[in-house]
Amino acid sequence: MSISIAIVEDEKNYNNALKKVIDYQSDMQVIAQFFDGGAALKNLSSICPDVVMMDIQLQDMMGIDVIGKLKQEMPNTSFIMCTSFEDDEMIFNSLRAGATGYLIKGESMDKILSSIRDVYNGGAPMSFSIARRVLTHFNKKTIEIKDFEELTRRETEIVELLSQGLLYKEIADKIFISIDTVKKHVGNIYRKLQVSNKVEAINKFNHFKN
């Protein structure tokens, strides 16, 4: 049984080139081509291919939005982003929307074909540069979690109040301690979070919460 594939790509030459190479394989077949997000959004759920090759930035909408709207209707379909974008926001928004793979358009056709087979068999194929970004992101998150685990309950409470815009005196009044004690806690917070000022501490706290 061959792997059924749909291509959503507004660059016609690349769309057709993908189709030609995929259809040449004995174990896969392109069953639909779409050149804009609207057509994909309207028709993909009725086709339900095994794999969708999805461009991120289509002429009429973002491919990420197409996935977000269709993923629940197509739980058995795997989406592979195939794009020129390598920034963290695009990568993680794609993965949050439901993409299983993320490839850069400069990849060889052999890599694209192997990725289709990989995602069909339960894998999560990514270009090397993308995989490194993902690992770096999660390693950073792990470090931040360890930093925050070192904070006492009181220190966590104070950095939360700082993030709400409260001044030292307001914090002192709210939790019934002296301003000097607030300052001492803030100094400990800076040291543990490895920051040098209130703005950096708040930014790190907000990033961690998200």
Protein backbone atom coordinates (compact mmCIF):
# COMPACT_ATOMS: atom_id res chain seq x y z
CA MET A 1 0.00 0.00 0.00
CA SER A 2 1.53 3.34 -1.05
CA ILE A 3 1.81 6.44 1.14
CA SER A 4 -0.74 9.05 0.04
CA ILE A 5 0.58 12.62 -0.01
CA ALA A 6 -0.86 16.10 -0.55
CA ILE A 7 1.35 19.09 -1.35
CA VAL A 8 0.40 22.60 -0.22
CA GLU A 9 2.86 24.99 -1.86
CA ASP A 10 2.23 28.24 -3.73
CA GLU A 11 5.50 28.12 -5.67
CA LYS A 12 4.26 26.10 -8.64
CA ASN A 13 7.63 24.94 -9.90
CA TYR A 14 8.60 23.55 -6.50
CA ASN A 15 5.14 22.02 -6.01
CA ASN A 16 5.34 20.26 -9.37
CA ALA A 17 8.95 19.19 -8.81
CA LEU A 18 7.98 17.56 -5.51
CA LYS A 19 5.07 15.79 -7.16
CA LYS A 20 7.25 14.47 -9.98
CA VAL A 21 9.90 13.04 -7.65
CA ILE A 22 7.36 11.60 -5.19
CA ASP A 23 5.28 9.95 -7.90
CA TYR A 24 8.43 8.29 -9.24
CA GLN A 25 8.69 6.29 -5.98
CA SER A 26 7.05 2.88 -5.87
CA ASP A 27 5.83 3.31 -2.27
CA MET A 28 4.21 6.76 -2.41
CA GLN A 29 1.86 8.84 -4.51
CA VAL A 30 0.70 12.46 -4.62
CA ILE A 31 -3.11 12.45 -4.49
CA ALA A 32 -3.62 16.23 -4.33
CA GLN A 33 -1.82 19.50 -5.04
CA PHE A 34 -2.85 22.86 -3.63
CA PHE A 35 -1.34 26.22 -4.52
CA ASP A 36 -3.00 28.30 -1.80
CA GLY A 37 -4.18 27.87 1.78
CA GLY A 38 -7.86 28.44 1.05
CA ALA A 39 -8.12 25.48 -1.31
CA ALA A 40 -6.18 23.29 1.11
CA LEU A 41 -8.40 24.31 4.01
CA LYS A 42 -11.53 23.54 1.99
CA ASN A 43 -10.50 20.17 0.58
CA LEU A 44 -7.82 18.46 2.68
CA SER A 45 -10.11 17.03 5.36
CA SER A 46 -12.20 15.20 2.75
CA ILE A 47 -9.08 13.68 1.20
CA CYS A 48 -7.23 12.80 4.43
CA PRO A 49 -3.85 11.89 2.95
CA ASP A 50 -1.27 10.08 5.06
CA VAL A 51 1.17 12.99 4.79
CA VAL A 52 0.84 16.68 3.89
CA MET A 53 3.87 18.65 2.72
CA MET A 54 3.03 22.17 3.91
CA ASP A 55 4.65 25.49 3.08
CA ILE A 56 4.59 27.97 5.98
CA GLN A 57 3.92 31.24 4.18
CA LEU A 58 1.31 30.87 1.47
CA GLN A 59 0.03 33.81 -0.55
CA ASP A 60 -3.34 33.94 1.20
CA MET A 61 -2.58 32.64 4.72
CA MET A 62 -0.01 30.94 6.93
CA GLY A 63 0.38 27.20 6.56
CA ILE A 64 0.58 27.06 10.36
CA ASP A 65 -3.02 28.33 10.50
CA VAL A 66 -4.14 25.68 8.01
CA ILE A 67 -2.67 22.95 10.22
CA GLY A 68 -4.17 24.47 13.36
CA LYS A 69 -7.65 24.45 11.83
CA LEU A 70 -7.42 20.97 10.30
CA LYS A 71 -5.38 18.88 12.75
CA GLN A 72 -8.35 17.81 14.88
CA GLU A 73 -10.32 16.83 11.78
CA MET A 74 -7.33 14.87 10.43
CA PRO A 75 -5.80 13.06 13.43
CA ASN A 76 -4.24 10.35 11.28
CA THR A 77 -2.53 12.76 8.87
CA SER A 78 1.05 13.85 9.49
CA PHE A 79 2.08 17.37 8.48
CA ILE A 80 5.64 18.17 7.41
CA MET A 81 6.57 21.83 7.11
CA CYS A 82 8.72 22.42 4.06
CA THR A 83 9.91 26.02 4.13
CA SER A 84 12.75 28.51 3.94
CA PHE A 85 12.05 29.87 7.46
CA GLU A 86 14.46 28.84 10.23
CA ASP A 87 13.56 31.24 13.06
CA ASP A 88 12.49 29.86 16.43
CA GLU A 89 9.03 31.43 16.39
CA MET A 90 8.06 29.74 13.11
CA ILE A 91 9.50 26.41 14.21
CA PHE A 92 7.71 26.24 17.56
CA ASN A 93 4.45 27.71 16.27
CA SER A 94 4.45 24.97 13.63
CA LEU A 95 5.09 22.24 16.18
CA ARG A 96 2.43 23.65 18.53
CA ALA A 97 -0.08 23.72 15.67
CA GLY A 98 0.50 20.03 15.06
CA ALA A 99 3.33 19.67 12.54
CA THR A 100 5.33 16.48 13.01
CA GLY A 101 8.30 17.35 10.79
CA TYR A 102 10.14 20.48 9.73
CA LEU A 103 12.35 20.59 6.63
CA ILE A 104 14.25 23.40 4.95
CA LYS A 105 13.59 23.75 1.22
CA GLY A 106 17.28 23.43 0.44
CA GLU A 107 17.22 19.80 1.55
CA SER A 108 17.92 17.14 -1.07
CA MET A 109 15.02 15.23 -2.55
CA ASP A 110 16.45 12.07 -0.96
CA LYS A 111 16.12 13.70 2.46
CA ILE A 112 12.55 14.80 1.70
CA LEU A 113 11.58 11.30 0.53
CA SER A 114 13.17 9.63 3.56
CA SER A 115 11.37 12.15 5.80
CA ILE A 116 8.00 11.23 4.28
CA ARG A 117 8.70 7.56 4.98
CA ASP A 118 9.96 8.42 8.46
CA VAL A 119 6.90 10.47 9.48
CA TYR A 120 4.59 7.81 8.01
CA ASN A 121 6.27 5.26 10.30
CA GLY A 122 5.87 7.42 13.38
CA GLY A 123 9.04 9.51 13.24
CA ALA A 124 9.52 13.28 13.53
CA PRO A 125 11.95 14.25 10.77
CA MET A 126 13.75 17.59 10.89
CA SER A 127 16.53 19.28 9.02
CA PHE A 128 19.77 19.15 11.00
CA SER A 129 19.79 22.90 11.66
CA ILE A 130 16.19 22.77 12.93
CA ALA A 131 16.89 19.81 15.23
CA ARG A 132 19.78 21.74 16.77
CA ARG A 133 17.54 24.76 17.42
CA VAL A 134 14.94 22.55 19.09
CA LEU A 135 17.54 20.88 21.31
CA THR A 136 19.07 24.24 22.23
CA HIS A 137 15.61 25.57 23.15
CA PHE A 138 14.83 22.64 25.46
CA ASN A 139 18.29 22.65 27.03
CA LYS A 140 17.80 26.34 27.81
CA LYS A 141 14.37 25.62 29.29
CA THR A 142 15.90 22.90 31.51
CA ILE A 143 18.52 25.34 32.81
CA GLU A 144 15.82 27.95 33.52
CA ILE A 145 13.70 25.40 35.39
CA LYS A 146 16.69 24.50 37.58
CA ASP A 147 17.29 28.21 38.26
CA PHE A 148 13.69 28.68 39.38
CA GLU A 149 13.72 25.53 41.48
CA GLU A 150 16.45 27.16 43.58
CA LEU A 151 14.15 30.05 44.52
CA THR A 152 12.41 29.84 47.87
CA ARG A 153 8.65 30.22 48.05
CA ARG A 154 9.08 33.78 49.32
CA GLU A 155 11.53 34.68 46.52
CA THR A 156 9.13 33.28 43.92
CA GLU A 157 6.33 35.35 45.45
CA ILE A 158 8.46 38.50 45.30
CA VAL A 159 9.53 38.05 41.67
CA GLU A 160 5.86 37.46 40.79
CA LEU A 161 4.94 40.75 42.48
CA LEU A 162 7.82 42.53 40.72
CA SER A 163 6.46 41.25 37.40
CA GLN A 164 3.10 42.83 38.30
CA GLY A 165 4.83 46.22 38.55
CA LEU A 166 4.84 46.60 42.34
CA LEU A 167 7.54 48.71 43.98
CA TYR A 168 9.67 47.46 46.88
CA LYS A 169 7.58 49.41 49.43
CA GLU A 170 4.34 48.06 47.96
CA ILE A 171 5.71 44.51 48.09
CA ALA A 172 6.83 45.03 51.69
CA ASP A 173 3.39 46.29 52.69
CA LYS A 174 1.59 43.52 50.82
CA ILE A 175 3.47 40.60 52.37
CA PHE A 176 4.19 42.27 55.72
CA ILE A 177 7.99 42.46 55.66
CA SER A 178 10.45 45.36 55.72
CA ILE A 179 11.85 47.05 52.62
CA ASP A 180 15.33 45.89 53.64
CA THR A 181 14.11 42.30 53.69
CA VAL A 182 12.57 42.75 50.23
CA LYS A 183 15.91 44.08 48.97
CA LYS A 184 17.74 41.11 50.48
CA HIS A 185 15.36 38.68 48.77
CA VAL A 186 15.75 40.53 45.46
CA GLY A 187 19.53 40.23 45.72
CA ASN A 188 19.18 36.47 46.21
CA ILE A 189 16.78 36.31 43.23
CA TYR A 190 19.30 38.07 40.97
CA ARG A 191 22.07 35.69 42.03
CA LYS A 192 20.02 32.53 41.58
CA LEU A 193 18.54 33.57 38.23
CA GLN A 194 21.93 34.84 37.05
CA VAL A 195 20.61 38.30 36.18
CA SER A 196 21.82 41.77 37.11
CA ASN A 197 18.65 43.87 37.31
CA LYS A 198 14.88 43.84 37.83
CA VAL A 199 14.03 43.93 34.12
CA GLU A 200 16.14 40.85 33.37
CA ALA A 201 14.63 39.01 36.35
CA ILE A 202 11.08 39.85 35.22
CA ASN A 203 11.80 38.90 31.61
CA LYS A 204 13.24 35.56 32.68
CA PHE A 205 10.29 34.95 35.00
CA ASN A 206 7.75 35.74 32.25
CA HIS A 207 9.62 33.59 29.73
CA PHE A 208 9.67 30.70 32.18
CA LYS A 209 5.91 31.00 32.85
CA ASN A 210 5.22 30.79 29.11
